[in-house]
Amino acid sequence: MPNLKLLKFDGGPARYSLFMANFEAHVESRLNLTHDASKLQYLRQHCKGEAEKLIELCSVLDFSAGYQKTKQFLFKNYGRPHVIARTYKYVNKLSQGQRLKPGDSAGLATTYKKAESY
């Protein structure tokens, strides 16, 4: 069987859910890791950039607390639905566009088309 190539996470909220599902399926559940120190090390190895710096902050804690706190921080910073939604350009553009009145479907359609073209 070929070696699995685990995803790396760079802190992009749009990729958080995919990364965590991949990490949990291929590292947490399959490697039978009983020590949170090992899980924390694997998690750190598969993160880069801003996400890795966040994990470094938790590495000074007790391993069990550090691993759980790391997962909480990653979720808080990258995994909450509103954080993910804001990463998509059209959502940002829609929220920064002109104010629409209730029932202004033509204005909404125009604003959406402008946002989608970016």
PDB file of N, CA and C in Angstrom:
ATOM      1  N   MET A   1       0.844  -1.169   0.000  1.00  0.00           N
ATOM      2  CA  MET A   1       0.000   0.000   0.000  1.00  0.00           C
ATOM      3  C   MET A   1       0.898   1.244   0.000  1.00  0.00           C
ATOM      4  N   PRO A   2       0.586   2.248  -0.817  1.00  0.00           N
ATOM      5  CA  PRO A   2       1.437   3.453  -0.869  1.00  0.00           C
ATOM      6  C   PRO A   2       1.341   4.265   0.423  1.00  0.00           C
ATOM      7  N   ASN A   3       2.404   5.007   0.689  1.00  0.00           N
ATOM      8  CA  ASN A   3       2.402   5.873   1.864  1.00  0.00           C
ATOM      9  C   ASN A   3       1.363   6.975   1.701  1.00  0.00           C
ATOM     10  N   LEU A   4       0.725   7.309   2.792  1.00  0.00           N
ATOM     11  CA  LEU A   4      -0.242   8.393   2.774  1.00  0.00           C
ATOM     12  C   LEU A   4       0.485   9.724   2.814  1.00  0.00           C
ATOM     13  N   LYS A   5       0.018  10.656   2.021  1.00  0.00           N
ATOM     14  CA  LYS A   5       0.558  12.017   2.079  1.00  0.00           C
ATOM     15  C   LYS A   5      -0.442  12.854   2.852  1.00  0.00           C
ATOM     16  N   LEU A   6      -0.082  13.180   4.071  1.00  0.00           N
ATOM     17  CA  LEU A   6      -0.973  13.964   4.911  1.00  0.00           C
ATOM     18  C   LEU A   6      -0.923  15.432   4.504  1.00  0.00           C
ATOM     19  N   LEU A   7      -2.054  16.072   4.612  1.00  0.00           N
ATOM     20  CA  LEU A   7      -2.153  17.479   4.256  1.00  0.00           C
ATOM     21  C   LEU A   7      -1.386  18.328   5.254  1.00  0.00           C
ATOM     22  N   LYS A   8      -0.909  19.458   4.773  1.00  0.00           N
ATOM     23  CA  LYS A   8      -0.303  20.474   5.638  1.00  0.00           C
ATOM     24  C   LYS A   8      -1.311  21.598   5.765  1.00  0.00           C
ATOM     25  N   PHE A   9      -1.342  22.222   6.920  1.00  0.00           N
ATOM     26  CA  PHE A   9      -2.267  23.315   7.160  1.00  0.00           C
ATOM     27  C   PHE A   9      -1.486  24.595   7.380  1.00  0.00           C
ATOM     28  N   ASP A  10      -1.817  25.635   6.601  1.00  0.00           N
ATOM     29  CA  ASP A  10      -1.087  26.901   6.684  1.00  0.00           C
ATOM     30  C   ASP A  10      -1.865  28.011   7.374  1.00  0.00           C
ATOM     31  N   GLY A  11      -3.044  27.683   7.863  1.00  0.00           N
ATOM     32  CA  GLY A  11      -3.829  28.697   8.546  1.00  0.00           C
ATOM     33  C   GLY A  11      -4.961  29.262   7.710  1.00  0.00           C
ATOM     34  N   GLY A  12      -5.180  28.712   6.531  1.00  0.00           N
ATOM     35  CA  GLY A  12      -6.291  29.170   5.698  1.00  0.00           C
ATOM     36  C   GLY A  12      -7.599  28.559   6.181  1.00  0.00           C
ATOM     37  N   PRO A  13      -8.522  29.373   6.681  1.00  0.00           N
ATOM     38  CA  PRO A  13      -9.773  28.837   7.222  1.00  0.00           C
ATOM     39  C   PRO A  13     -10.552  27.963   6.245  1.00  0.00           C
ATOM     40  N   ALA A  14     -10.455  28.240   4.970  1.00  0.00           N
ATOM     41  CA  ALA A  14     -11.201  27.444   3.989  1.00  0.00           C
ATOM     42  C   ALA A  14     -10.718  25.996   3.956  1.00  0.00           C
ATOM     43  N   ARG A  15      -9.503  25.742   4.403  1.00  0.00           N
ATOM     44  CA  ARG A  15      -8.951  24.386   4.368  1.00  0.00           C
ATOM     45  C   ARG A  15      -8.930  23.716   5.739  1.00  0.00           C
ATOM     46  N   TYR A  16      -9.387  24.422   6.766  1.00  0.00           N
ATOM     47  CA  TYR A  16      -9.336  23.890   8.124  1.00  0.00           C
ATOM     48  C   TYR A  16     -10.091  22.570   8.261  1.00  0.00           C
ATOM     49  N   SER A  17     -11.332  22.531   7.821  1.00  0.00           N
ATOM     50  CA  SER A  17     -12.155  21.327   7.999  1.00  0.00           C
ATOM     51  C   SER A  17     -11.553  20.126   7.287  1.00  0.00           C
ATOM     52  N   LEU A  18     -11.058  20.337   6.080  1.00  0.00           N
ATOM     53  CA  LEU A  18     -10.434  19.253   5.327  1.00  0.00           C
ATOM     54  C   LEU A  18      -9.176  18.757   6.035  1.00  0.00           C
ATOM     55  N   PHE A  19      -8.367  19.696   6.511  1.00  0.00           N
ATOM     56  CA  PHE A  19      -7.145  19.325   7.219  1.00  0.00           C
ATOM     57  C   PHE A  19      -7.453  18.523   8.481  1.00  0.00           C
ATOM     58  N   MET A  20      -8.372  19.020   9.308  1.00  0.00           N
ATOM     59  CA  MET A  20      -8.669  18.333  10.569  1.00  0.00           C
ATOM     60  C   MET A  20      -9.281  16.961  10.328  1.00  0.00           C
ATOM     61  N   ALA A  21     -10.152  16.842   9.346  1.00  0.00           N
ATOM     62  CA  ALA A  21     -10.730  15.526   9.041  1.00  0.00           C
ATOM     63  C   ALA A  21      -9.626  14.567   8.608  1.00  0.00           C
ATOM     64  N   ASN A  22      -8.699  15.048   7.792  1.00  0.00           N
ATOM     65  CA  ASN A  22      -7.578  14.237   7.331  1.00  0.00           C
ATOM     66  C   ASN A  22      -6.674  13.860   8.501  1.00  0.00           C
ATOM     67  N   PHE A  23      -6.372  14.810   9.365  1.00  0.00           N
ATOM     68  CA  PHE A  23      -5.497  14.559  10.508  1.00  0.00           C
ATOM     69  C   PHE A  23      -6.128  13.554  11.468  1.00  0.00           C
ATOM     70  N   GLU A  24      -7.395  13.755  11.779  1.00  0.00           N
ATOM     71  CA  GLU A  24      -8.070  12.855  12.719  1.00  0.00           C
ATOM     72  C   GLU A  24      -8.205  11.447  12.161  1.00  0.00           C
ATOM     73  N   ALA A  25      -8.459  11.325  10.870  1.00  0.00           N
ATOM     74  CA  ALA A  25      -8.625  10.006  10.263  1.00  0.00           C
ATOM     75  C   ALA A  25      -7.301   9.260  10.121  1.00  0.00           C
ATOM     76  N   HIS A  26      -6.249   9.976   9.797  1.00  0.00           N
ATOM     77  CA  HIS A  26      -4.986   9.300   9.486  1.00  0.00           C
ATOM     78  C   HIS A  26      -3.928   9.377  10.578  1.00  0.00           C
ATOM     79  N   VAL A  27      -4.117  10.224  11.544  1.00  0.00           N
ATOM     80  CA  VAL A  27      -3.135  10.315  12.629  1.00  0.00           C
ATOM     81  C   VAL A  27      -3.773   9.922  13.952  1.00  0.00           C
ATOM     82  N   GLU A  28      -4.772  10.661  14.388  1.00  0.00           N
ATOM     83  CA  GLU A  28      -5.368  10.393  15.704  1.00  0.00           C
ATOM     84  C   GLU A  28      -5.921   8.978  15.823  1.00  0.00           C
ATOM     85  N   SER A  29      -6.708   8.555  14.866  1.00  0.00           N
ATOM     86  CA  SER A  29      -7.392   7.272  15.010  1.00  0.00           C
ATOM     87  C   SER A  29      -6.566   6.080  14.554  1.00  0.00           C
ATOM     88  N   ARG A  30      -5.682   6.245  13.607  1.00  0.00           N
ATOM     89  CA  ARG A  30      -4.974   5.101  13.037  1.00  0.00           C
ATOM     90  C   ARG A  30      -3.663   4.750  13.719  1.00  0.00           C
ATOM     91  N   LEU A  31      -3.005   5.722  14.274  1.00  0.00           N
ATOM     92  CA  LEU A  31      -1.687   5.440  14.833  1.00  0.00           C
ATOM     93  C   LEU A  31      -1.730   4.937  16.260  1.00  0.00           C
ATOM     94  N   ASN A  32      -2.904   4.815  16.811  1.00  0.00           N
ATOM     95  CA  ASN A  32      -3.067   4.310  18.168  1.00  0.00           C
ATOM     96  C   ASN A  32      -2.152   5.046  19.143  1.00  0.00           C
ATOM     97  N   LEU A  33      -2.176   6.361  18.999  1.00  0.00           N
ATOM     98  CA  LEU A  33      -1.347   7.181  19.873  1.00  0.00           C
ATOM     99  C   LEU A  33      -2.044   7.365  21.216  1.00  0.00           C
ATOM    100  N   THR A  34      -1.398   6.908  22.251  1.00  0.00           N
ATOM    101  CA  THR A  34      -1.996   7.046  23.571  1.00  0.00           C
ATOM    102  C   THR A  34      -1.482   8.288  24.281  1.00  0.00           C
ATOM    103  N   HIS A  35      -0.380   8.822  23.825  1.00  0.00           N
ATOM    104  CA  HIS A  35       0.205   9.990  24.477  1.00  0.00           C
ATOM    105  C   HIS A  35      -0.094  11.243  23.665  1.00  0.00           C
ATOM    106  N   ASP A  36      -0.656  12.234  24.339  1.00  0.00           N
ATOM    107  CA  ASP A  36      -0.970  13.481  23.665  1.00  0.00           C
ATOM    108  C   ASP A  36       0.289  14.196  23.188  1.00  0.00           C
ATOM    109  N   ALA A  37       1.436  13.889  23.797  1.00  0.00           N
ATOM    110  CA  ALA A  37       2.692  14.494  23.347  1.00  0.00           C
ATOM    111  C   ALA A  37       2.970  14.109  21.894  1.00  0.00           C
ATOM    112  N   SER A  38       2.734  12.868  21.543  1.00  0.00           N
ATOM    113  CA  SER A  38       2.945  12.414  20.170  1.00  0.00           C
ATOM    114  C   SER A  38       1.936  13.064  19.225  1.00  0.00           C
ATOM    115  N   LYS A  39       0.693  13.145  19.648  1.00  0.00           N
ATOM    116  CA  LYS A  39      -0.333  13.780  18.815  1.00  0.00           C
ATOM    117  C   LYS A  39       0.006  15.245  18.570  1.00  0.00           C
ATOM    118  N   LEU A  40       0.461  15.924  19.621  1.00  0.00           N
ATOM    119  CA  LEU A  40       0.826  17.329  19.499  1.00  0.00           C
ATOM    120  C   LEU A  40       1.992  17.499  18.529  1.00  0.00           C
ATOM    121  N   GLN A  41       2.964  16.604  18.613  1.00  0.00           N
ATOM    122  CA  GLN A  41       4.112  16.677  17.710  1.00  0.00           C
ATOM    123  C   GLN A  41       3.689  16.442  16.258  1.00  0.00           C
ATOM    124  N   TYR A  42       2.844  15.453  16.024  1.00  0.00           N
ATOM    125  CA  TYR A  42       2.352  15.206  14.663  1.00  0.00           C
ATOM    126  C   TYR A  42       1.553  16.400  14.149  1.00  0.00           C
ATOM    127  N   LEU A  43       0.730  16.970  15.009  1.00  0.00           N
ATOM    128  CA  LEU A  43      -0.067  18.120  14.598  1.00  0.00           C
ATOM    129  C   LEU A  43       0.848  19.281  14.224  1.00  0.00           C
ATOM    130  N   ARG A  44       1.846  19.506  15.026  1.00  0.00           N
ATOM    131  CA  ARG A  44       2.804  20.593  14.732  1.00  0.00           C
ATOM    132  C   ARG A  44       3.540  20.339  13.421  1.00  0.00           C
ATOM    133  N   GLN A  45       3.935  19.098  13.166  1.00  0.00           N
ATOM    134  CA  GLN A  45       4.650  18.763  11.934  1.00  0.00           C
ATOM    135  C   GLN A  45       3.803  18.995  10.688  1.00  0.00           C
ATOM    136  N   HIS A  46       2.492  18.943  10.849  1.00  0.00           N
ATOM    137  CA  HIS A  46       1.621  19.082   9.689  1.00  0.00           C
ATOM    138  C   HIS A  46       0.997  20.470   9.570  1.00  0.00           C
ATOM    139  N   CYS A  47       1.521  21.398  10.345  1.00  0.00           N
ATOM    140  CA  CYS A  47       1.095  22.786  10.226  1.00  0.00           C
ATOM    141  C   CYS A  47       2.296  23.635   9.848  1.00  0.00           C
ATOM    142  N   LYS A  48       2.015  24.730   9.206  1.00  0.00           N
ATOM    143  CA  LYS A  48       3.087  25.658   8.839  1.00  0.00           C
ATOM    144  C   LYS A  48       2.577  27.078   8.964  1.00  0.00           C
ATOM    145  N   GLY A  49       3.487  28.014   8.911  1.00  0.00           N
ATOM    146  CA  GLY A  49       3.121  29.425   8.967  1.00  0.00           C
ATOM    147  C   GLY A  49       2.442  29.813  10.260  1.00  0.00           C
ATOM    148  N   GLU A  50       1.379  30.581  10.118  1.00  0.00           N
ATOM    149  CA  GLU A  50       0.637  31.108  11.265  1.00  0.00           C
ATOM    150  C   GLU A  50       0.105  30.000  12.170  1.00  0.00           C
ATOM    151  N   ALA A  51      -0.373  28.926  11.579  1.00  0.00           N
ATOM    152  CA  ALA A  51      -0.922  27.818  12.373  1.00  0.00           C
ATOM    153  C   ALA A  51       0.176  27.158  13.215  1.00  0.00           C
ATOM    154  N   GLU A  52       1.363  27.008  12.672  1.00  0.00           N
ATOM    155  CA  GLU A  52       2.458  26.405  13.431  1.00  0.00           C
ATOM    156  C   GLU A  52       2.862  27.301  14.606  1.00  0.00           C
ATOM    157  N   LYS A  53       2.865  28.602  14.392  1.00  0.00           N
ATOM    158  CA  LYS A  53       3.200  29.534  15.474  1.00  0.00           C
ATOM    159  C   LYS A  53       2.181  29.432  16.609  1.00  0.00           C
ATOM    160  N   LEU A  54       0.924  29.266  16.256  1.00  0.00           N
ATOM    161  CA  LEU A  54      -0.114  29.100  17.268  1.00  0.00           C
ATOM    162  C   LEU A  54       0.135  27.840  18.093  1.00  0.00           C
ATOM    163  N   ILE A  55       0.548  26.770  17.434  1.00  0.00           N
ATOM    164  CA  ILE A  55       0.818  25.508  18.120  1.00  0.00           C
ATOM    165  C   ILE A  55       2.034  25.641  19.039  1.00  0.00           C
ATOM    166  N   GLU A  56       3.024  26.400  18.614  1.00  0.00           N
ATOM    167  CA  GLU A  56       4.209  26.595  19.447  1.00  0.00           C
ATOM    168  C   GLU A  56       3.837  27.213  20.797  1.00  0.00           C
ATOM    169  N   LEU A  57       2.854  28.085  20.803  1.00  0.00           N
ATOM    170  CA  LEU A  57       2.413  28.700  22.056  1.00  0.00           C
ATOM    171  C   LEU A  57       1.875  27.662  23.030  1.00  0.00           C
ATOM    172  N   CYS A  58       1.221  26.635  22.505  1.00  0.00           N
ATOM    173  CA  CYS A  58       0.629  25.599  23.355  1.00  0.00           C
ATOM    174  C   CYS A  58       1.643  24.530  23.753  1.00  0.00           C
ATOM    175  N   SER A  59       2.776  24.505  23.102  1.00  0.00           N
ATOM    176  CA  SER A  59       3.772  23.467  23.368  1.00  0.00           C
ATOM    177  C   SER A  59       4.419  23.601  24.733  1.00  0.00           C
ATOM    178  N   VAL A  60       4.281  24.737  25.366  1.00  0.00           N
ATOM    179  CA  VAL A  60       4.885  24.916  26.689  1.00  0.00           C
ATOM    180  C   VAL A  60       3.984  24.370  27.797  1.00  0.00           C
ATOM    181  N   LEU A  61       2.749  24.047  27.455  1.00  0.00           N
ATOM    182  CA  LEU A  61       1.823  23.486  28.445  1.00  0.00           C
ATOM    183  C   LEU A  61       2.075  21.998  28.634  1.00  0.00           C
ATOM    184  N   ASP A  62       1.499  21.439  29.673  1.00  0.00           N
ATOM    185  CA  ASP A  62       1.480  19.997  29.858  1.00  0.00           C
ATOM    186  C   ASP A  62       0.971  19.378  28.554  1.00  0.00           C
ATOM    187  N   PHE A  63       1.534  18.233  28.140  1.00  0.00           N
ATOM    188  CA  PHE A  63       1.217  17.671  26.828  1.00  0.00           C
ATOM    189  C   PHE A  63      -0.273  17.432  26.617  1.00  0.00           C
ATOM    190  N   SER A  64      -0.933  16.880  27.599  1.00  0.00           N
ATOM    191  CA  SER A  64      -2.355  16.603  27.448  1.00  0.00           C
ATOM    192  C   SER A  64      -3.139  17.899  27.300  1.00  0.00           C
ATOM    193  N   ALA A  65      -2.868  18.829  28.182  1.00  0.00           N
ATOM    194  CA  ALA A  65      -3.547  20.127  28.104  1.00  0.00           C
ATOM    195  C   ALA A  65      -3.131  20.866  26.838  1.00  0.00           C
ATOM    196  N   GLY A  66      -1.860  20.756  26.469  1.00  0.00           N
ATOM    197  CA  GLY A  66      -1.359  21.432  25.270  1.00  0.00           C
ATOM    198  C   GLY A  66      -2.025  20.943  24.005  1.00  0.00           C
ATOM    199  N   TYR A  67      -2.211  19.637  23.895  1.00  0.00           N
ATOM    200  CA  TYR A  67      -2.843  19.082  22.693  1.00  0.00           C
ATOM    201  C   TYR A  67      -4.303  19.518  22.607  1.00  0.00           C
ATOM    202  N   GLN A  68      -5.023  19.415  23.712  1.00  0.00           N
ATOM    203  CA  GLN A  68      -6.430  19.813  23.710  1.00  0.00           C
ATOM    204  C   GLN A  68      -6.570  21.311  23.460  1.00  0.00           C
ATOM    205  N   LYS A  69      -5.713  22.111  24.066  1.00  0.00           N
ATOM    206  CA  LYS A  69      -5.764  23.559  23.890  1.00  0.00           C
ATOM    207  C   LYS A  69      -5.401  23.931  22.449  1.00  0.00           C
ATOM    208  N   THR A  70      -4.454  23.221  21.867  1.00  0.00           N
ATOM    209  CA  THR A  70      -4.080  23.473  20.479  1.00  0.00           C
ATOM    210  C   THR A  70      -5.265  23.246  19.556  1.00  0.00           C
ATOM    211  N   LYS A  71      -5.954  22.137  19.742  1.00  0.00           N
ATOM    212  CA  LYS A  71      -7.113  21.863  18.890  1.00  0.00           C
ATOM    213  C   LYS A  71      -8.194  22.926  19.086  1.00  0.00           C
ATOM    214  N   GLN A  72      -8.383  23.376  20.320  1.00  0.00           N
ATOM    215  CA  GLN A  72      -9.361  24.435  20.584  1.00  0.00           C
ATOM    216  C   GLN A  72      -8.958  25.740  19.909  1.00  0.00           C
ATOM    217  N   PHE A  73      -7.674  26.105  20.006  1.00  0.00           N
ATOM    218  CA  PHE A  73      -7.194  27.334  19.376  1.00  0.00           C
ATOM    219  C   PHE A  73      -7.323  27.273  17.861  1.00  0.00           C
ATOM    220  N   LEU A  74      -6.973  26.126  17.287  1.00  0.00           N
ATOM    221  CA  LEU A  74      -7.095  25.986  15.835  1.00  0.00           C
ATOM    222  C   LEU A  74      -8.543  26.158  15.397  1.00  0.00           C
ATOM    223  N   PHE A  75      -9.459  25.528  16.133  1.00  0.00           N
ATOM    224  CA  PHE A  75     -10.871  25.667  15.796  1.00  0.00           C
ATOM    225  C   PHE A  75     -11.323  27.122  15.943  1.00  0.00           C
ATOM    226  N   LYS A  76     -10.951  27.737  17.058  1.00  0.00           N
ATOM    227  CA  LYS A  76     -11.381  29.114  17.319  1.00  0.00           C
ATOM    228  C   LYS A  76     -10.872  30.069  16.241  1.00  0.00           C
ATOM    229  N   ASN A  77      -9.638  29.887  15.804  1.00  0.00           N
ATOM    230  CA  ASN A  77      -9.040  30.799  14.840  1.00  0.00           C
ATOM    231  C   ASN A  77      -9.347  30.476  13.388  1.00  0.00           C
ATOM    232  N   TYR A  78      -9.626  29.204  13.085  1.00  0.00           N
ATOM    233  CA  TYR A  78      -9.776  28.818  11.678  1.00  0.00           C
ATOM    234  C   TYR A  78     -11.023  28.004  11.362  1.00  0.00           C
ATOM    235  N   GLY A  79     -11.668  27.425  12.362  1.00  0.00           N
ATOM    236  CA  GLY A  79     -12.722  26.465  12.078  1.00  0.00           C
ATOM    237  C   GLY A  79     -14.144  26.910  12.299  1.00  0.00           C
ATOM    238  N   ARG A  80     -14.341  28.036  12.949  1.00  0.00           N
ATOM    239  CA  ARG A  80     -15.709  28.480  13.184  1.00  0.00           C
ATOM    240  C   ARG A  80     -16.348  28.881  11.859  1.00  0.00           C
ATOM    241  N   PRO A  81     -17.612  28.527  11.684  1.00  0.00           N
ATOM    242  CA  PRO A  81     -18.270  28.765  10.393  1.00  0.00           C
ATOM    243  C   PRO A  81     -18.189  30.204   9.888  1.00  0.00           C
ATOM    244  N   HIS A  82     -18.328  31.183  10.775  1.00  0.00           N
ATOM    245  CA  HIS A  82     -18.279  32.563  10.291  1.00  0.00           C
ATOM    246  C   HIS A  82     -16.871  32.961   9.854  1.00  0.00           C
ATOM    247  N   VAL A  83     -15.842  32.371  10.455  1.00  0.00           N
ATOM    248  CA  VAL A  83     -14.466  32.644  10.036  1.00  0.00           C
ATOM    249  C   VAL A  83     -14.238  32.059   8.642  1.00  0.00           C
ATOM    250  N   ILE A  84     -14.722  30.854   8.440  1.00  0.00           N
ATOM    251  CA  ILE A  84     -14.585  30.200   7.139  1.00  0.00           C
ATOM    252  C   ILE A  84     -15.354  30.978   6.075  1.00  0.00           C
ATOM    253  N   ALA A  85     -16.563  31.384   6.394  1.00  0.00           N
ATOM    254  CA  ALA A  85     -17.390  32.087   5.416  1.00  0.00           C
ATOM    255  C   ALA A  85     -16.754  33.393   4.974  1.00  0.00           C
ATOM    256  N   ARG A  86     -16.108  34.081   5.872  1.00  0.00           N
ATOM    257  CA  ARG A  86     -15.494  35.365   5.520  1.00  0.00           C
ATOM    258  C   ARG A  86     -14.274  35.216   4.623  1.00  0.00           C
ATOM    259  N   THR A  87     -13.748  34.019   4.502  1.00  0.00           N
ATOM    260  CA  THR A  87     -12.587  33.831   3.647  1.00  0.00           C
ATOM    261  C   THR A  87     -12.943  33.834   2.170  1.00  0.00           C
ATOM    262  N   TYR A  88     -14.177  33.641   1.880  1.00  0.00           N
ATOM    263  CA  TYR A  88     -14.589  33.631   0.486  1.00  0.00           C
ATOM    264  C   TYR A  88     -14.853  35.057   0.027  1.00  0.00           C
ATOM    265  N   LYS A  89     -14.253  35.423  -1.097  1.00  0.00           N
ATOM    266  CA  LYS A  89     -14.317  36.795  -1.579  1.00  0.00           C
ATOM    267  C   LYS A  89     -15.734  37.320  -1.738  1.00  0.00           C
ATOM    268  N   TYR A  90     -16.587  36.531  -2.302  1.00  0.00           N
ATOM    269  CA  TYR A  90     -17.909  37.072  -2.585  1.00  0.00           C
ATOM    270  C   TYR A  90     -18.674  37.405  -1.312  1.00  0.00           C
ATOM    271  N   VAL A  91     -18.413  36.692  -0.224  1.00  0.00           N
ATOM    272  CA  VAL A  91     -19.073  37.019   1.039  1.00  0.00           C
ATOM    273  C   VAL A  91     -18.563  38.363   1.540  1.00  0.00           C
ATOM    274  N   ASN A  92     -17.256  38.564   1.466  1.00  0.00           N
ATOM    275  CA  ASN A  92     -16.700  39.847   1.886  1.00  0.00           C
ATOM    276  C   ASN A  92     -17.230  40.974   1.017  1.00  0.00           C
ATOM    277  N   LYS A  93     -17.257  40.761  -0.267  1.00  0.00           N
ATOM    278  CA  LYS A  93     -17.736  41.799  -1.182  1.00  0.00           C
ATOM    279  C   LYS A  93     -19.209  42.105  -0.949  1.00  0.00           C
ATOM    280  N   LEU A  94     -20.005  41.065  -0.702  1.00  0.00           N
ATOM    281  CA  LEU A  94     -21.419  41.295  -0.437  1.00  0.00           C
ATOM    282  C   LEU A  94     -21.611  42.104   0.837  1.00  0.00           C
ATOM    283  N   SER A  95     -20.817  41.809   1.846  1.00  0.00           N
ATOM    284  CA  SER A  95     -20.987  42.503   3.119  1.00  0.00           C
ATOM    285  C   SER A  95     -20.461  43.931   3.068  1.00  0.00           C
ATOM    286  N   GLN A  96     -19.594  44.240   2.102  1.00  0.00           N
ATOM    287  CA  GLN A  96     -19.055  45.591   1.974  1.00  0.00           C
ATOM    288  C   GLN A  96     -19.797  46.421   0.923  1.00  0.00           C
ATOM    289  N   GLY A  97     -20.741  45.824   0.245  1.00  0.00           N
ATOM    290  CA  GLY A  97     -21.481  46.517  -0.808  1.00  0.00           C
ATOM    291  C   GLY A  97     -22.497  47.499  -0.253  1.00  0.00           C
ATOM    292  N   GLN A  98     -23.278  48.045  -1.166  1.00  0.00           N
ATOM    293  CA  GLN A  98     -24.293  49.019  -0.749  1.00  0.00           C
ATOM    294  C   GLN A  98     -25.386  48.341   0.070  1.00  0.00           C
ATOM    295  N   ARG A  99     -26.021  49.117   0.922  1.00  0.00           N
ATOM    296  CA  ARG A  99     -27.132  48.591   1.724  1.00  0.00           C
ATOM    297  C   ARG A  99     -28.341  48.388   0.838  1.00  0.00           C
ATOM    298  N   LEU A 100     -28.994  47.279   1.050  1.00  0.00           N
ATOM    299  CA  LEU A 100     -30.182  46.949   0.278  1.00  0.00           C
ATOM    300  C   LEU A 100     -31.407  47.048   1.163  1.00  0.00           C
ATOM    301  N   LYS A 101     -32.493  47.427   0.546  1.00  0.00           N
ATOM    302  CA  LYS A 101     -33.758  47.496   1.269  1.00  0.00           C
ATOM    303  C   LYS A 101     -34.440  46.131   1.181  1.00  0.00           C
ATOM    304  N   PRO A 102     -35.247  45.787   2.161  1.00  0.00           N
ATOM    305  CA  PRO A 102     -35.979  44.510   2.108  1.00  0.00           C
ATOM    306  C   PRO A 102     -36.783  44.414   0.805  1.00  0.00           C
ATOM    307  N   GLY A 103     -36.668  43.264   0.167  1.00  0.00           N
ATOM    308  CA  GLY A 103     -37.411  43.023  -1.063  1.00  0.00           C
ATOM    309  C   GLY A 103     -36.714  43.513  -2.319  1.00  0.00           C
ATOM    310  N   ASP A 104     -35.516  44.082  -2.207  1.00  0.00           N
ATOM    311  CA  ASP A 104     -34.796  44.594  -3.376  1.00  0.00           C
ATOM    312  C   ASP A 104     -34.019  43.460  -4.039  1.00  0.00           C
ATOM    313  N   SER A 105     -34.732  42.561  -4.682  1.00  0.00           N
ATOM    314  CA  SER A 105     -34.080  41.403  -5.295  1.00  0.00           C
ATOM    315  C   SER A 105     -33.208  41.801  -6.483  1.00  0.00           C
ATOM    316  N   ALA A 106     -33.591  42.826  -7.224  1.00  0.00           N
ATOM    317  CA  ALA A 106     -32.778  43.285  -8.362  1.00  0.00           C
ATOM    318  C   ALA A 106     -31.447  43.844  -7.856  1.00  0.00           C
ATOM    319  N   GLY A 107     -31.497  44.628  -6.779  1.00  0.00           N
ATOM    320  CA  GLY A 107     -30.269  45.164  -6.196  1.00  0.00           C
ATOM    321  C   GLY A 107     -29.375  44.067  -5.654  1.00  0.00           C
ATOM    322  N   LEU A 108     -29.975  43.065  -5.037  1.00  0.00           N
ATOM    323  CA  LEU A 108     -29.214  41.934  -4.511  1.00  0.00           C
ATOM    324  C   LEU A 108     -28.542  41.167  -5.644  1.00  0.00           C
ATOM    325  N   ALA A 109     -29.276  40.943  -6.721  1.00  0.00           N
ATOM    326  CA  ALA A 109     -28.710  40.219  -7.871  1.00  0.00           C
ATOM    327  C   ALA A 109     -27.549  40.989  -8.476  1.00  0.00           C
ATOM    328  N   THR A 110     -27.675  42.301  -8.597  1.00  0.00           N
ATOM    329  CA  THR A 110     -26.604  43.133  -9.148  1.00  0.00           C
ATOM    330  C   THR A 110     -25.377  43.098  -8.242  1.00  0.00           C
ATOM    331  N   THR A 111     -25.595  43.244  -6.948  1.00  0.00           N
ATOM    332  CA  THR A 111     -24.489  43.215  -5.989  1.00  0.00           C
ATOM    333  C   THR A 111     -23.788  41.861  -6.020  1.00  0.00           C
ATOM    334  N   TYR A 112     -24.551  40.791  -6.091  1.00  0.00           N
ATOM    335  CA  TYR A 112     -23.989  39.442  -6.133  1.00  0.00           C
ATOM    336  C   TYR A 112     -23.149  39.252  -7.391  1.00  0.00           C
ATOM    337  N   LYS A 113     -23.630  39.708  -8.528  1.00  0.00           N
ATOM    338  CA  LYS A 113     -22.867  39.560  -9.781  1.00  0.00           C
ATOM    339  C   LYS A 113     -21.568  40.323  -9.719  1.00  0.00           C
ATOM    340  N   LYS A 114     -21.595  41.524  -9.139  1.00  0.00           N
ATOM    341  CA  LYS A 114     -20.365  42.308  -8.999  1.00  0.00           C
ATOM    342  C   LYS A 114     -19.370  41.585  -8.094  1.00  0.00           C
ATOM    343  N   ALA A 115     -19.858  41.057  -6.996  1.00  0.00           N
ATOM    344  CA  ALA A 115     -18.983  40.354  -6.045  1.00  0.00           C
ATOM    345  C   ALA A 115     -18.428  39.080  -6.675  1.00  0.00           C
ATOM    346  N   GLU A 116     -19.231  38.392  -7.430  1.00  0.00           N
ATOM    347  CA  GLU A 116     -18.801  37.144  -8.035  1.00  0.00           C
ATOM    348  C   GLU A 116     -17.734  37.362  -9.102  1.00  0.00           C
ATOM    349  N   SER A 117     -17.715  38.524  -9.718  1.00  0.00           N
ATOM    350  CA  SER A 117     -16.751  38.803 -10.795  1.00  0.00           C
ATOM    351  C   SER A 117     -15.359  39.072 -10.274  1.00  0.00           C
ATOM    352  N   TYR A 118     -15.194  39.295  -8.990  1.00  0.00           N
ATOM    353  CA  TYR A 118     -13.861  39.573  -8.428  1.00  0.00           C
ATOM    354  C   TYR A 118     -13.037  38.353  -8.377  1.00  0.00           C
TER     355      TYR A 118
END
